[in-house]
């Protein structure tokens, strides 16, 4: 797929006030981020990231999010990827401030479809679910910043507690290719996840 000819430039976002912009593009109802822009901010080489993407560490991360490595090249030979791969890019850069900013940024581009896959979703409320979802993310990112832990480590800890409590692997709640927290939202477990975050991280 060619983002240059088929993608629609949607936005430009900034990691920090003095940083270069990161272009955001929409194509086939999906949001893609310009990886080349991100790498310039951190003086990284995109080709090095593509090589790292082949490592065991990267493959484990890709498997966790149930996605394939899929780079999109536009007419200017810039590299684009979806939000899931953006998370992998954030792990490669290893900057806690960027990882925190990234999760909050992805939240603003997420959209939910009301699902009714079980009785647990009968009272699905979009606005309230969004609010609780944002609250969980705020707890996780604040905790990561305060403790120096990587965001992914805090998420793993949170989801591990969820799995222990409900004997359900949250990544298997739906077959959709999306963030685990979105699977939890769509199946009506967001209140439970928020309660776990309160108990685990502190109100």
C-alpha atoms as a PDB file:
ATOM      1  CA  UNK A   1       0.000   0.000   0.000  1.00  0.00           C
ATOM      2  CA  UNK A   2       1.316   3.436  -0.926  1.00  0.00           C
ATOM      3  CA  UNK A   3       0.603   6.093   1.696  1.00  0.00           C
ATOM      4  CA  UNK A   4       1.742   8.832  -0.620  1.00  0.00           C
ATOM      5  CA  UNK A   5      -0.933   8.175  -3.220  1.00  0.00           C
ATOM      6  CA  UNK A   6      -3.689   6.491  -1.190  1.00  0.00           C
ATOM      7  CA  UNK A   7      -3.243   7.875   2.303  1.00  0.00           C
ATOM      8  CA  UNK A   8      -4.830  11.113   3.476  1.00  0.00           C
ATOM      9  CA  UNK A   9      -2.660  13.332   5.663  1.00  0.00           C
ATOM     10  CA  UNK A  10      -4.693  13.720   8.832  1.00  0.00           C
ATOM     11  CA  UNK A  11      -2.573  15.574  11.334  1.00  0.00           C
ATOM     12  CA  UNK A  12       0.850  16.456  12.681  1.00  0.00           C
ATOM     13  CA  UNK A  13       1.632  15.822  16.325  1.00  0.00           C
ATOM     14  CA  UNK A  14       4.477  16.909  18.584  1.00  0.00           C
ATOM     15  CA  UNK A  15       6.271  14.823  21.186  1.00  0.00           C
ATOM     16  CA  UNK A  16       7.645  17.969  22.813  1.00  0.00           C
ATOM     17  CA  UNK A  17       7.265  21.675  22.056  1.00  0.00           C
ATOM     18  CA  UNK A  18      10.721  21.973  20.505  1.00  0.00           C
ATOM     19  CA  UNK A  19      10.598  18.646  18.629  1.00  0.00           C
ATOM     20  CA  UNK A  20       9.949  18.140  14.950  1.00  0.00           C
ATOM     21  CA  UNK A  21       6.388  17.173  13.976  1.00  0.00           C
ATOM     22  CA  UNK A  22       5.303  13.575  13.458  1.00  0.00           C
ATOM     23  CA  UNK A  23       2.944  13.207  10.507  1.00  0.00           C
ATOM     24  CA  UNK A  24      -0.226  11.156  10.923  1.00  0.00           C
ATOM     25  CA  UNK A  25      -2.011   9.662   7.932  1.00  0.00           C
ATOM     26  CA  UNK A  26      -5.353   7.919   7.468  1.00  0.00           C
ATOM     27  CA  UNK A  27      -5.772   5.080   4.980  1.00  0.00           C
ATOM     28  CA  UNK A  28      -8.422   2.367   4.708  1.00  0.00           C
ATOM     29  CA  UNK A  29      -9.987   3.648   7.947  1.00  0.00           C
ATOM     30  CA  UNK A  30      -6.743   3.092   9.862  1.00  0.00           C
ATOM     31  CA  UNK A  31      -4.329   5.590  11.377  1.00  0.00           C
ATOM     32  CA  UNK A  32      -0.652   5.412  10.437  1.00  0.00           C
ATOM     33  CA  UNK A  33       2.267   7.270  11.984  1.00  0.00           C
ATOM     34  CA  UNK A  34       5.394   8.426  10.181  1.00  0.00           C
ATOM     35  CA  UNK A  35       8.219   6.382  11.658  1.00  0.00           C
ATOM     36  CA  UNK A  36      10.830   8.368   9.789  1.00  0.00           C
ATOM     37  CA  UNK A  37       9.730  11.513  11.660  1.00  0.00           C
ATOM     38  CA  UNK A  38      10.011   9.705  15.008  1.00  0.00           C
ATOM     39  CA  UNK A  39      13.497   8.408  14.247  1.00  0.00           C
ATOM     40  CA  UNK A  40      14.691  11.918  13.321  1.00  0.00           C
ATOM     41  CA  UNK A  41      13.635  13.210  16.742  1.00  0.00           C
ATOM     42  CA  UNK A  42      15.818  10.631  18.500  1.00  0.00           C
ATOM     43  CA  UNK A  43      18.620  10.626  15.905  1.00  0.00           C
ATOM     44  CA  UNK A  44      17.859   7.019  15.053  1.00  0.00           C
ATOM     45  CA  UNK A  45      18.227   5.253  11.722  1.00  0.00           C
ATOM     46  CA  UNK A  46      14.990   3.691  10.478  1.00  0.00           C
ATOM     47  CA  UNK A  47      16.982   0.894   8.834  1.00  0.00           C
ATOM     48  CA  UNK A  48      18.377  -0.049  12.254  1.00  0.00           C
ATOM     49  CA  UNK A  49      14.838  -0.319  13.562  1.00  0.00           C
ATOM     50  CA  UNK A  50      13.897  -2.594  10.678  1.00  0.00           C
ATOM     51  CA  UNK A  51      16.831  -4.817  11.589  1.00  0.00           C
ATOM     52  CA  UNK A  52      15.899  -4.782  15.287  1.00  0.00           C
ATOM     53  CA  UNK A  53      12.359  -5.683  14.272  1.00  0.00           C
ATOM     54  CA  UNK A  54      13.699  -9.091  13.237  1.00  0.00           C
ATOM     55  CA  UNK A  55      15.151  -9.864  16.677  1.00  0.00           C
ATOM     56  CA  UNK A  56      13.611 -12.262  19.161  1.00  0.00           C
ATOM     57  CA  UNK A  57      12.706  -9.397  21.497  1.00  0.00           C
ATOM     58  CA  UNK A  58      10.768  -7.631  18.759  1.00  0.00           C
ATOM     59  CA  UNK A  59       9.060 -10.802  17.608  1.00  0.00           C
ATOM     60  CA  UNK A  60       7.853 -11.493  21.146  1.00  0.00           C
ATOM     61  CA  UNK A  61       6.407  -7.987  21.303  1.00  0.00           C
ATOM     62  CA  UNK A  62       4.751  -8.386  17.896  1.00  0.00           C
ATOM     63  CA  UNK A  63       3.297 -11.723  18.957  1.00  0.00           C
ATOM     64  CA  UNK A  64       1.926 -10.153  22.123  1.00  0.00           C
ATOM     65  CA  UNK A  65      -0.093  -7.688  20.070  1.00  0.00           C
ATOM     66  CA  UNK A  66      -0.968 -10.372  17.507  1.00  0.00           C
ATOM     67  CA  UNK A  67       0.335  -8.342  14.561  1.00  0.00           C
ATOM     68  CA  UNK A  68       2.658  -8.742  11.621  1.00  0.00           C
ATOM     69  CA  UNK A  69       5.536  -6.434  10.824  1.00  0.00           C
ATOM     70  CA  UNK A  70       4.194  -4.283   8.012  1.00  0.00           C
ATOM     71  CA  UNK A  71       6.015  -1.168   6.858  1.00  0.00           C
ATOM     72  CA  UNK A  72       4.405   1.218   4.410  1.00  0.00           C
ATOM     73  CA  UNK A  73       6.547   3.278   2.054  1.00  0.00           C
ATOM     74  CA  UNK A  74       5.240   6.495   0.565  1.00  0.00           C
ATOM     75  CA  UNK A  75       6.492   8.199  -2.596  1.00  0.00           C
ATOM     76  CA  UNK A  76       9.251   9.964  -0.655  1.00  0.00           C
ATOM     77  CA  UNK A  77      10.523   6.665   0.760  1.00  0.00           C
ATOM     78  CA  UNK A  78       9.346   7.534   4.257  1.00  0.00           C
ATOM     79  CA  UNK A  79       8.337   4.661   6.522  1.00  0.00           C
ATOM     80  CA  UNK A  80       4.868   4.471   8.030  1.00  0.00           C
ATOM     81  CA  UNK A  81       3.229   2.022  10.413  1.00  0.00           C
ATOM     82  CA  UNK A  82       0.019   1.560  12.388  1.00  0.00           C
ATOM     83  CA  UNK A  83      -0.455   2.229  16.105  1.00  0.00           C
ATOM     84  CA  UNK A  84       0.482  -1.309  17.113  1.00  0.00           C
ATOM     85  CA  UNK A  85       3.859  -1.083  15.390  1.00  0.00           C
ATOM     86  CA  UNK A  86       4.249   2.406  16.843  1.00  0.00           C
ATOM     87  CA  UNK A  87       4.251   0.766  20.272  1.00  0.00           C
ATOM     88  CA  UNK A  88       7.030  -1.554  19.132  1.00  0.00           C
ATOM     89  CA  UNK A  89       8.960   1.458  17.823  1.00  0.00           C
ATOM     90  CA  UNK A  90       8.573   3.109  21.222  1.00  0.00           C
ATOM     91  CA  UNK A  91      10.052   0.065  22.928  1.00  0.00           C
ATOM     92  CA  UNK A  92      13.021   0.136  20.565  1.00  0.00           C
ATOM     93  CA  UNK A  93      13.739   3.807  21.294  1.00  0.00           C
ATOM     94  CA  UNK A  94      13.670   3.103  25.059  1.00  0.00           C
ATOM     95  CA  UNK A  95      12.633   6.566  26.207  1.00  0.00           C
ATOM     96  CA  UNK A  96      10.144   6.493  29.105  1.00  0.00           C
ATOM     97  CA  UNK A  97       8.802   9.974  28.362  1.00  0.00           C
ATOM     98  CA  UNK A  98       8.183   9.035  24.747  1.00  0.00           C
ATOM     99  CA  UNK A  99       6.479   5.766  25.719  1.00  0.00           C
ATOM    100  CA  UNK A 100       4.213   7.639  28.145  1.00  0.00           C
ATOM    101  CA  UNK A 101       3.382  10.287  25.553  1.00  0.00           C
ATOM    102  CA  UNK A 102       2.816   7.609  22.932  1.00  0.00           C
ATOM    103  CA  UNK A 103       0.158   5.736  24.890  1.00  0.00           C
ATOM    104  CA  UNK A 104      -1.732   8.939  25.607  1.00  0.00           C
ATOM    105  CA  UNK A 105      -1.457   9.996  21.955  1.00  0.00           C
ATOM    106  CA  UNK A 106      -2.719   6.684  20.626  1.00  0.00           C
ATOM    107  CA  UNK A 107      -5.696   7.040  22.933  1.00  0.00           C
ATOM    108  CA  UNK A 108      -6.765  10.207  21.143  1.00  0.00           C
ATOM    109  CA  UNK A 109      -6.807   8.416  17.784  1.00  0.00           C
ATOM    110  CA  UNK A 110      -8.651   5.331  18.970  1.00  0.00           C
ATOM    111  CA  UNK A 111     -12.272   4.865  17.997  1.00  0.00           C
ATOM    112  CA  UNK A 112     -14.655   2.300  19.407  1.00  0.00           C
ATOM    113  CA  UNK A 113     -17.559   0.463  17.841  1.00  0.00           C
ATOM    114  CA  UNK A 114     -20.314  -0.538  20.201  1.00  0.00           C
ATOM    115  CA  UNK A 115     -20.314  -4.313  20.344  1.00  0.00           C
ATOM    116  CA  UNK A 116     -22.873  -6.652  21.787  1.00  0.00           C
ATOM    117  CA  UNK A 117     -21.013  -9.951  21.822  1.00  0.00           C
ATOM    118  CA  UNK A 118     -22.303 -11.078  25.207  1.00  0.00           C
ATOM    119  CA  UNK A 119     -24.529 -10.032  28.082  1.00  0.00           C
ATOM    120  CA  UNK A 120     -21.459  -8.408  29.593  1.00  0.00           C
ATOM    121  CA  UNK A 121     -21.639  -5.707  26.895  1.00  0.00           C
ATOM    122  CA  UNK A 122     -25.359  -4.975  27.178  1.00  0.00           C
ATOM    123  CA  UNK A 123     -24.826  -1.760  29.137  1.00  0.00           C
ATOM    124  CA  UNK A 124     -21.891  -0.524  27.030  1.00  0.00           C
ATOM    125  CA  UNK A 125     -21.638   3.255  27.377  1.00  0.00           C
ATOM    126  CA  UNK A 126     -19.198   4.919  25.015  1.00  0.00           C
ATOM    127  CA  UNK A 127     -18.464   8.142  26.937  1.00  0.00           C
ATOM    128  CA  UNK A 128     -18.208   6.474  30.320  1.00  0.00           C
ATOM    129  CA  UNK A 129     -16.033   3.713  28.893  1.00  0.00           C
ATOM    130  CA  UNK A 130     -13.743   6.306  27.316  1.00  0.00           C
ATOM    131  CA  UNK A 131     -13.412   8.109  30.634  1.00  0.00           C
ATOM    132  CA  UNK A 132     -12.536   4.943  32.549  1.00  0.00           C
ATOM    133  CA  UNK A 133     -10.171   3.818  29.823  1.00  0.00           C
ATOM    134  CA  UNK A 134      -8.314   7.131  30.039  1.00  0.00           C
ATOM    135  CA  UNK A 135      -8.192   6.817  33.824  1.00  0.00           C
ATOM    136  CA  UNK A 136      -6.539   3.397  33.603  1.00  0.00           C
ATOM    137  CA  UNK A 137      -3.975   4.731  31.124  1.00  0.00           C
ATOM    138  CA  UNK A 138      -3.276   7.707  33.384  1.00  0.00           C
ATOM    139  CA  UNK A 139      -2.659   5.398  36.354  1.00  0.00           C
ATOM    140  CA  UNK A 140      -0.313   3.212  34.325  1.00  0.00           C
ATOM    141  CA  UNK A 141       1.681   6.052  32.767  1.00  0.00           C
ATOM    142  CA  UNK A 142       1.971   7.957  36.064  1.00  0.00           C
ATOM    143  CA  UNK A 143       3.124   4.816  37.852  1.00  0.00           C
ATOM    144  CA  UNK A 144       5.691   4.076  35.146  1.00  0.00           C
ATOM    145  CA  UNK A 145       7.056   7.627  35.312  1.00  0.00           C
ATOM    146  CA  UNK A 146       7.219   7.589  39.115  1.00  0.00           C
ATOM    147  CA  UNK A 147       8.933   4.209  39.397  1.00  0.00           C
ATOM    148  CA  UNK A 148      11.112   4.329  36.281  1.00  0.00           C
ATOM    149  CA  UNK A 149       9.581   1.125  34.969  1.00  0.00           C
ATOM    150  CA  UNK A 150       8.876   0.701  31.294  1.00  0.00           C
ATOM    151  CA  UNK A 151       5.261   1.191  30.342  1.00  0.00           C
ATOM    152  CA  UNK A 152       5.050  -2.237  28.812  1.00  0.00           C
ATOM    153  CA  UNK A 153       6.163  -3.794  32.122  1.00  0.00           C
ATOM    154  CA  UNK A 154       3.383  -2.031  34.030  1.00  0.00           C
ATOM    155  CA  UNK A 155       0.793  -3.095  31.438  1.00  0.00           C
ATOM    156  CA  UNK A 156       2.004  -6.690  31.661  1.00  0.00           C
ATOM    157  CA  UNK A 157       1.665  -6.554  35.451  1.00  0.00           C
ATOM    158  CA  UNK A 158      -1.864  -5.129  35.186  1.00  0.00           C
ATOM    159  CA  UNK A 159      -3.040  -7.670  32.616  1.00  0.00           C
ATOM    160  CA  UNK A 160      -1.457 -10.495  34.609  1.00  0.00           C
ATOM    161  CA  UNK A 161      -3.601  -9.529  37.596  1.00  0.00           C
ATOM    162  CA  UNK A 162      -6.661  -9.369  35.333  1.00  0.00           C
ATOM    163  CA  UNK A 163      -5.928 -12.864  34.042  1.00  0.00           C
ATOM    164  CA  UNK A 164      -5.470 -14.231  37.572  1.00  0.00           C
ATOM    165  CA  UNK A 165      -8.722 -12.689  38.785  1.00  0.00           C
ATOM    166  CA  UNK A 166     -10.968 -13.760  35.916  1.00  0.00           C
ATOM    167  CA  UNK A 167      -9.010 -16.741  34.579  1.00  0.00           C
ATOM    168  CA  UNK A 168      -9.301 -15.110  31.177  1.00  0.00           C
ATOM    169  CA  UNK A 169      -6.416 -14.016  28.988  1.00  0.00           C
ATOM    170  CA  UNK A 170      -7.497 -10.453  28.044  1.00  0.00           C
ATOM    171  CA  UNK A 171      -5.799 -10.658  24.641  1.00  0.00           C
ATOM    172  CA  UNK A 172      -8.276 -13.433  23.743  1.00  0.00           C
ATOM    173  CA  UNK A 173     -11.412 -11.504  24.690  1.00  0.00           C
ATOM    174  CA  UNK A 174     -12.012 -10.639  21.023  1.00  0.00           C
ATOM    175  CA  UNK A 175     -10.494 -11.741  17.730  1.00  0.00           C
ATOM    176  CA  UNK A 176     -10.121  -8.144  16.556  1.00  0.00           C
ATOM    177  CA  UNK A 177      -6.622  -6.825  15.922  1.00  0.00           C
ATOM    178  CA  UNK A 178      -6.503  -4.059  18.533  1.00  0.00           C
ATOM    179  CA  UNK A 179      -4.962  -3.020  21.834  1.00  0.00           C
ATOM    180  CA  UNK A 180      -5.777  -5.275  24.766  1.00  0.00           C
ATOM    181  CA  UNK A 181      -7.374  -2.407  26.661  1.00  0.00           C
ATOM    182  CA  UNK A 182      -9.790  -1.941  23.751  1.00  0.00           C
ATOM    183  CA  UNK A 183     -10.727  -5.622  23.935  1.00  0.00           C
ATOM    184  CA  UNK A 184     -11.447  -5.117  27.629  1.00  0.00           C
ATOM    185  CA  UNK A 185     -13.554  -2.036  26.896  1.00  0.00           C
ATOM    186  CA  UNK A 186     -15.578  -3.742  24.195  1.00  0.00           C
ATOM    187  CA  UNK A 187     -16.392  -6.758  26.339  1.00  0.00           C
ATOM    188  CA  UNK A 188     -17.456  -4.714  29.361  1.00  0.00           C
ATOM    189  CA  UNK A 189     -14.549  -5.403  31.727  1.00  0.00           C
ATOM    190  CA  UNK A 190     -13.245  -1.843  31.981  1.00  0.00           C
ATOM    191  CA  UNK A 191     -14.703  -1.351  35.495  1.00  0.00           C
ATOM    192  CA  UNK A 192     -12.886  -4.480  36.612  1.00  0.00           C
ATOM    193  CA  UNK A 193      -9.602  -3.349  35.050  1.00  0.00           C
ATOM    194  CA  UNK A 194      -9.942   0.056  36.700  1.00  0.00           C
ATOM    195  CA  UNK A 195     -10.518  -1.570  40.073  1.00  0.00           C
ATOM    196  CA  UNK A 196      -7.435  -3.753  39.573  1.00  0.00           C
ATOM    197  CA  UNK A 197      -5.417  -0.634  38.667  1.00  0.00           C
ATOM    198  CA  UNK A 198      -6.636   1.071  41.842  1.00  0.00           C
ATOM    199  CA  UNK A 199      -5.652  -1.881  44.006  1.00  0.00           C
ATOM    200  CA  UNK A 200      -2.353  -2.569  42.229  1.00  0.00           C
ATOM    201  CA  UNK A 201      -1.091   0.942  41.652  1.00  0.00           C
ATOM    202  CA  UNK A 202      -2.982   2.984  44.221  1.00  0.00           C
ATOM    203  CA  UNK A 203      -5.718   5.577  43.951  1.00  0.00           C
END
